[in-house]
C-alpha atoms as a PDB file:
ATOM      1  CA  MET A   1      40.579 -14.684 -25.436  1.00  0.00           C
ATOM      2  CA  SER A   2      37.799 -12.470 -26.717  1.00  0.00           C
ATOM      3  CA  ILE A   3      36.134  -9.603 -24.857  1.00  0.00           C
ATOM      4  CA  ARG A   4      32.931 -11.667 -24.878  1.00  0.00           C
ATOM      5  CA  HIS A   5      34.695 -14.494 -23.034  1.00  0.00           C
ATOM      6  CA  TYR A   6      36.171 -12.163 -20.406  1.00  0.00           C
ATOM      7  CA  LEU A   7      32.866 -10.389 -19.826  1.00  0.00           C
ATOM      8  CA  ALA A   8      31.032 -13.705 -19.544  1.00  0.00           C
ATOM      9  CA  SER A   9      33.443 -14.887 -16.849  1.00  0.00           C
ATOM     10  CA  TRP A  10      33.694 -11.532 -15.005  1.00  0.00           C
ATOM     11  CA  ASN A  11      32.075 -11.584 -11.565  1.00  0.00           C
ATOM     12  CA  GLY A  12      30.496  -8.188 -12.116  1.00  0.00           C
ATOM     13  CA  LYS A  13      32.296  -6.690  -9.161  1.00  0.00           C
ATOM     14  CA  SER A  14      36.070  -6.652  -9.583  1.00  0.00           C
ATOM     15  CA  ALA A  15      37.202  -3.299 -10.948  1.00  0.00           C
ATOM     16  CA  ASP A  16      40.733  -4.701 -11.310  1.00  0.00           C
ATOM     17  CA  ASP A  17      39.546  -7.602 -13.474  1.00  0.00           C
ATOM     18  CA  ILE A  18      37.392  -5.422 -15.791  1.00  0.00           C
ATOM     19  CA  GLY A  19      40.242  -2.865 -15.869  1.00  0.00           C
ATOM     20  CA  ASP A  20      42.573  -5.648 -17.063  1.00  0.00           C
ATOM     21  CA  VAL A  21      40.101  -6.478 -19.861  1.00  0.00           C
ATOM     22  CA  TYR A  22      40.211  -2.826 -20.890  1.00  0.00           C
ATOM     23  CA  GLU A  23      43.995  -2.734 -20.955  1.00  0.00           C
ATOM     24  CA  ARG A  24      44.185  -5.962 -22.947  1.00  0.00           C
ATOM     25  CA  HIS A  25      41.689  -4.891 -25.608  1.00  0.00           C
ATOM     26  CA  CYS A  26      41.402  -1.140 -25.850  1.00  0.00           C
ATOM     27  CA  ALA A  27      43.876  -0.907 -28.728  1.00  0.00           C
ATOM     28  CA  ASP A  28      42.033  -3.481 -30.858  1.00  0.00           C
ATOM     29  CA  PRO A  29      40.656  -1.824 -34.017  1.00  0.00           C
ATOM     30  CA  SER A  30      37.254  -3.442 -33.387  1.00  0.00           C
ATOM     31  CA  PHE A  31      37.148  -2.529 -29.655  1.00  0.00           C
ATOM     32  CA  VAL A  32      34.284  -0.038 -29.808  1.00  0.00           C
ATOM     33  CA  SER A  33      32.234  -2.015 -32.316  1.00  0.00           C
ATOM     34  CA  ASP A  34      32.687  -5.146 -30.187  1.00  0.00           C
ATOM     35  CA  LEU A  35      31.487  -3.236 -27.101  1.00  0.00           C
ATOM     36  CA  LEU A  36      28.457  -1.893 -28.937  1.00  0.00           C
ATOM     37  CA  GLU A  37      27.496  -5.407 -29.981  1.00  0.00           C
ATOM     38  CA  LEU A  38      28.089  -6.851 -26.519  1.00  0.00           C
ATOM     39  CA  ALA A  39      26.120  -4.100 -24.799  1.00  0.00           C
ATOM     40  CA  GLY A  40      23.029  -5.429 -26.589  1.00  0.00           C
ATOM     41  CA  ASP A  41      23.398  -8.709 -24.695  1.00  0.00           C
ATOM     42  CA  GLU A  42      21.670  -8.369 -21.307  1.00  0.00           C
ATOM     43  CA  ALA A  43      24.115 -10.736 -19.632  1.00  0.00           C
ATOM     44  CA  LEU A  44      27.156  -8.742 -20.863  1.00  0.00           C
ATOM     45  CA  GLN A  45      25.832  -5.154 -20.945  1.00  0.00           C
ATOM     46  CA  LYS A  46      27.119  -4.174 -17.470  1.00  0.00           C
ATOM     47  CA  GLY A  47      30.691  -5.004 -18.373  1.00  0.00           C
ATOM     48  CA  ALA A  48      30.445  -3.695 -21.954  1.00  0.00           C
ATOM     49  CA  THR A  49      29.045  -0.339 -20.867  1.00  0.00           C
ATOM     50  CA  TRP A  50      31.689  -0.082 -18.113  1.00  0.00           C
ATOM     51  CA  LEU A  51      34.401  -0.607 -20.698  1.00  0.00           C
ATOM     52  CA  LEU A  52      32.823   1.991 -22.983  1.00  0.00           C
ATOM     53  CA  LYS A  53      32.679   4.506 -20.106  1.00  0.00           C
ATOM     54  CA  ARG A  54      36.355   3.846 -19.259  1.00  0.00           C
ATOM     55  CA  HIS A  55      37.289   4.299 -22.914  1.00  0.00           C
ATOM     56  CA  LEU A  56      35.617   7.716 -23.068  1.00  0.00           C
ATOM     57  CA  GLU A  57      37.034   8.753 -19.686  1.00  0.00           C
ATOM     58  CA  ASN A  58      40.496   8.028 -21.190  1.00  0.00           C
ATOM     59  CA  ASN A  59      39.794  10.803 -23.708  1.00  0.00           C
ATOM     60  CA  GLU A  60      39.055   8.426 -26.550  1.00  0.00           C
ATOM     61  CA  LYS A  61      36.439   9.592 -29.043  1.00  0.00           C
ATOM     62  CA  LEU A  62      33.544   7.951 -30.801  1.00  0.00           C
ATOM     63  CA  ASP A  63      32.546   8.829 -34.324  1.00  0.00           C
ATOM     64  CA  PRO A  64      29.014  10.089 -35.014  1.00  0.00           C
ATOM     65  CA  GLU A  65      27.804   6.640 -36.115  1.00  0.00           C
ATOM     66  CA  GLU A  66      29.120   5.031 -32.919  1.00  0.00           C
ATOM     67  CA  ILE A  67      27.413   7.687 -30.855  1.00  0.00           C
ATOM     68  CA  GLU A  68      24.162   6.886 -32.669  1.00  0.00           C
ATOM     69  CA  GLN A  69      24.680   3.234 -31.846  1.00  0.00           C
ATOM     70  CA  VAL A  70      25.266   3.973 -28.182  1.00  0.00           C
ATOM     71  CA  TYR A  71      22.085   5.971 -27.914  1.00  0.00           C
ATOM     72  CA  ALA A  72      20.210   3.277 -29.842  1.00  0.00           C
ATOM     73  CA  LEU A  73      21.028   0.924 -26.934  1.00  0.00           C
ATOM     74  CA  LEU A  74      19.019   2.953 -24.404  1.00  0.00           C
ATOM     75  CA  PRO A  75      15.692   1.094 -24.636  1.00  0.00           C
ATOM     76  CA  GLY A  76      17.428  -2.260 -24.118  1.00  0.00           C
ATOM     77  CA  LEU A  77      19.453  -1.324 -21.058  1.00  0.00           C
ATOM     78  CA  THR A  78      17.883  -3.506 -18.350  1.00  0.00           C
ATOM     79  CA  ARG A  79      20.515  -3.185 -15.653  1.00  0.00           C
ATOM     80  CA  TRP A  80      20.740  -0.040 -13.576  1.00  0.00           C
ATOM     81  CA  GLU A  81      24.532  -0.163 -13.784  1.00  0.00           C
ATOM     82  CA  SER A  82      24.368  -0.095 -17.563  1.00  0.00           C
ATOM     83  CA  ARG A  83      22.041   2.894 -17.546  1.00  0.00           C
ATOM     84  CA  LEU A  84      24.385   4.628 -15.112  1.00  0.00           C
ATOM     85  CA  HIS A  85      27.365   3.941 -17.310  1.00  0.00           C
ATOM     86  CA  ILE A  86      25.710   5.398 -20.380  1.00  0.00           C
ATOM     87  CA  LEU A  87      24.591   8.422 -18.350  1.00  0.00           C
ATOM     88  CA  GLN A  88      28.231   8.866 -17.308  1.00  0.00           C
ATOM     89  CA  CYS A  89      29.260   8.600 -20.983  1.00  0.00           C
ATOM     90  CA  MET A  90      26.872  11.377 -22.078  1.00  0.00           C
ATOM     91  CA  PRO A  91      29.275  14.311 -21.280  1.00  0.00           C
ATOM     92  CA  HIS A  92      31.595  12.766 -23.876  1.00  0.00           C
ATOM     93  CA  MET A  93      28.953  12.252 -26.564  1.00  0.00           C
ATOM     94  CA  PRO A  94      26.863  14.987 -28.157  1.00  0.00           C
ATOM     95  CA  VAL A  95      23.199  14.182 -28.560  1.00  0.00           C
ATOM     96  CA  PRO A  96      22.230  13.625 -32.209  1.00  0.00           C
ATOM     97  CA  GLU A  97      19.322  15.809 -33.285  1.00  0.00           C
ATOM     98  CA  ALA A  98      17.414  12.733 -34.496  1.00  0.00           C
ATOM     99  CA  ARG A  99      17.634  11.095 -31.061  1.00  0.00           C
ATOM    100  CA  ARG A 100      17.023  14.038 -28.769  1.00  0.00           C
ATOM    101  CA  VAL A 101      13.340  13.320 -28.017  1.00  0.00           C
ATOM    102  CA  ALA A 102      14.127   9.663 -27.152  1.00  0.00           C
ATOM    103  CA  ILE A 103      17.101  10.746 -25.069  1.00  0.00           C
ATOM    104  CA  GLU A 104      14.986  13.329 -23.232  1.00  0.00           C
ATOM    105  CA  ALA A 105      12.474  10.557 -22.425  1.00  0.00           C
ATOM    106  CA  PHE A 106      15.281   8.298 -21.167  1.00  0.00           C
ATOM    107  CA  LEU A 107      16.642  11.098 -19.000  1.00  0.00           C
ATOM    108  CA  ARG A 108      13.216  11.893 -17.495  1.00  0.00           C
ATOM    109  CA  ALA A 109      12.594   8.256 -16.754  1.00  0.00           C
ATOM    110  CA  SER A 110      16.025   7.954 -15.192  1.00  0.00           C
ATOM    111  CA  MET A 111      15.317  10.941 -12.918  1.00  0.00           C
ATOM    112  CA  THR A 112      12.758   8.757 -11.127  1.00  0.00           C
ATOM    113  CA  ASP A 113      14.947   5.648 -10.921  1.00  0.00           C
ATOM    114  CA  GLU A 114      15.165   4.051  -7.469  1.00  0.00           C
ATOM    115  CA  VAL A 115      18.973   4.174  -7.606  1.00  0.00           C
ATOM    116  CA  LYS A 116      20.330   7.540  -6.454  1.00  0.00           C
ATOM    117  CA  PHE A 117      23.368   7.461  -8.676  1.00  0.00           C
ATOM    118  CA  VAL A 118      21.199   6.937 -11.772  1.00  0.00           C
ATOM    119  CA  ARG A 119      18.987   9.873 -10.726  1.00  0.00           C
ATOM    120  CA  ALA A 120      22.024  12.114 -10.089  1.00  0.00           C
ATOM    121  CA  TRP A 121      23.576  11.414 -13.485  1.00  0.00           C
ATOM    122  CA  ALA A 122      20.184  11.749 -15.228  1.00  0.00           C
ATOM    123  CA  TYR A 123      19.859  15.311 -13.928  1.00  0.00           C
ATOM    124  CA  GLY A 124      23.366  15.965 -15.192  1.00  0.00           C
ATOM    125  CA  GLY A 125      22.418  14.434 -18.552  1.00  0.00           C
ATOM    126  CA  TYR A 126      19.405  16.698 -18.812  1.00  0.00           C
ATOM    127  CA  TRP A 127      21.573  19.697 -17.977  1.00  0.00           C
ATOM    128  CA  GLY A 128      23.915  18.615 -20.774  1.00  0.00           C
ATOM    129  CA  LEU A 129      21.002  18.240 -23.167  1.00  0.00           C
ATOM    130  CA  ALA A 130      20.011  21.854 -22.244  1.00  0.00           C
ATOM    131  CA  ARG A 131      23.590  22.986 -22.840  1.00  0.00           C
ATOM    132  CA  GLN A 132      23.427  21.557 -26.350  1.00  0.00           C
ATOM    133  CA  PHE A 133      19.785  22.524 -27.073  1.00  0.00           C
ATOM    134  CA  PRO A 134      18.946  25.873 -25.421  1.00  0.00           C
ATOM    135  CA  GLU A 135      15.208  25.274 -25.627  1.00  0.00           C
ATOM    136  CA  TYR A 136      15.619  22.844 -22.712  1.00  0.00           C
ATOM    137  CA  ARG A 137      17.367  25.307 -20.390  1.00  0.00           C
ATOM    138  CA  ALA A 138      14.348  26.661 -18.504  1.00  0.00           C
ATOM    139  CA  GLU A 139      13.101  23.110 -17.906  1.00  0.00           C
ATOM    140  CA  ALA A 140      16.566  21.929 -16.801  1.00  0.00           C
ATOM    141  CA  GLU A 141      16.739  24.774 -14.265  1.00  0.00           C
ATOM    142  CA  ARG A 142      13.241  24.018 -13.040  1.00  0.00           C
ATOM    143  CA  LEU A 143      13.917  20.291 -12.648  1.00  0.00           C
ATOM    144  CA  CYS A 144      17.192  20.881 -10.810  1.00  0.00           C
ATOM    145  CA  GLU A 145      15.630  23.457  -8.506  1.00  0.00           C
ATOM    146  CA  ILE A 146      12.905  20.980  -7.548  1.00  0.00           C
ATOM    147  CA  ALA A 147      15.483  18.231  -7.054  1.00  0.00           C
ATOM    148  CA  MET A 148      17.561  20.481  -4.800  1.00  0.00           C
ATOM    149  CA  HIS A 149      14.566  20.569  -2.413  1.00  0.00           C
ATOM    150  CA  HIS A 150      13.546  16.905  -2.583  1.00  0.00           C
ATOM    151  CA  GLU A 151      16.478  14.711  -3.528  1.00  0.00           C
ATOM    152  CA  ALA A 152      18.985  12.797  -1.439  1.00  0.00           C
ATOM    153  CA  PRO A 153      22.164  14.626  -0.419  1.00  0.00           C
ATOM    154  CA  SER A 154      24.282  12.582  -2.870  1.00  0.00           C
ATOM    155  CA  VAL A 155      22.036  13.660  -5.747  1.00  0.00           C
ATOM    156  CA  LYS A 156      22.155  17.265  -4.612  1.00  0.00           C
ATOM    157  CA  ALA A 157      25.965  17.148  -4.546  1.00  0.00           C
ATOM    158  CA  ARG A 158      26.053  16.009  -8.178  1.00  0.00           C
ATOM    159  CA  LEU A 159      23.500  18.695  -9.094  1.00  0.00           C
ATOM    160  CA  ARG A 160      25.654  21.430  -7.508  1.00  0.00           C
ATOM    161  CA  GLN A 161      28.612  20.274  -9.640  1.00  0.00           C
ATOM    162  CA  VAL A 162      26.550  20.304 -12.830  1.00  0.00           C
ATOM    163  CA  MET A 163      24.832  23.605 -12.154  1.00  0.00           C
ATOM    164  CA  LYS A 164      28.150  25.288 -11.217  1.00  0.00           C
ATOM    165  CA  ALA A 165      29.430  24.518 -14.725  1.00  0.00           C
ATOM    166  CA  GLY A 166      26.505  26.487 -16.157  1.00  0.00           C
ATOM    167  CA  PHE A 167      25.212  26.366 -19.657  1.00  0.00           C
END
């Protein structure tokens, strides 16, 4: 069965089931390109982005063109889980110079998301952007300082982790 078929039948909740899909398909030569295509489908993006996140967390690498394709998905990510998964992928993917303004806008928008996890990882993404592009450092520090006074405890905990790592 194809990844598309498995994602279409996945209930959106079972980590064991989606983990099995990963184990079945991660060695396929077209795995990443399949995920990038499927992530463009609103009905499948939650599962496709989860699989991509799992792939990167397993120390797999994307080439620069694949990274470009991931970041090109940002405007079409309609599900909060998909946005979260890509935010969680960002520490594994450098920001291409050509996409940095769009990514900054995505991160800023995500910092105001109603979902705390998305906000927490957006602050971390902005911190990572500042690590890569020093001109963002002062703004990253300012945003994180404000968030430490106004955000939920779970967001603050993530911020402490990120800030502890420094630039």
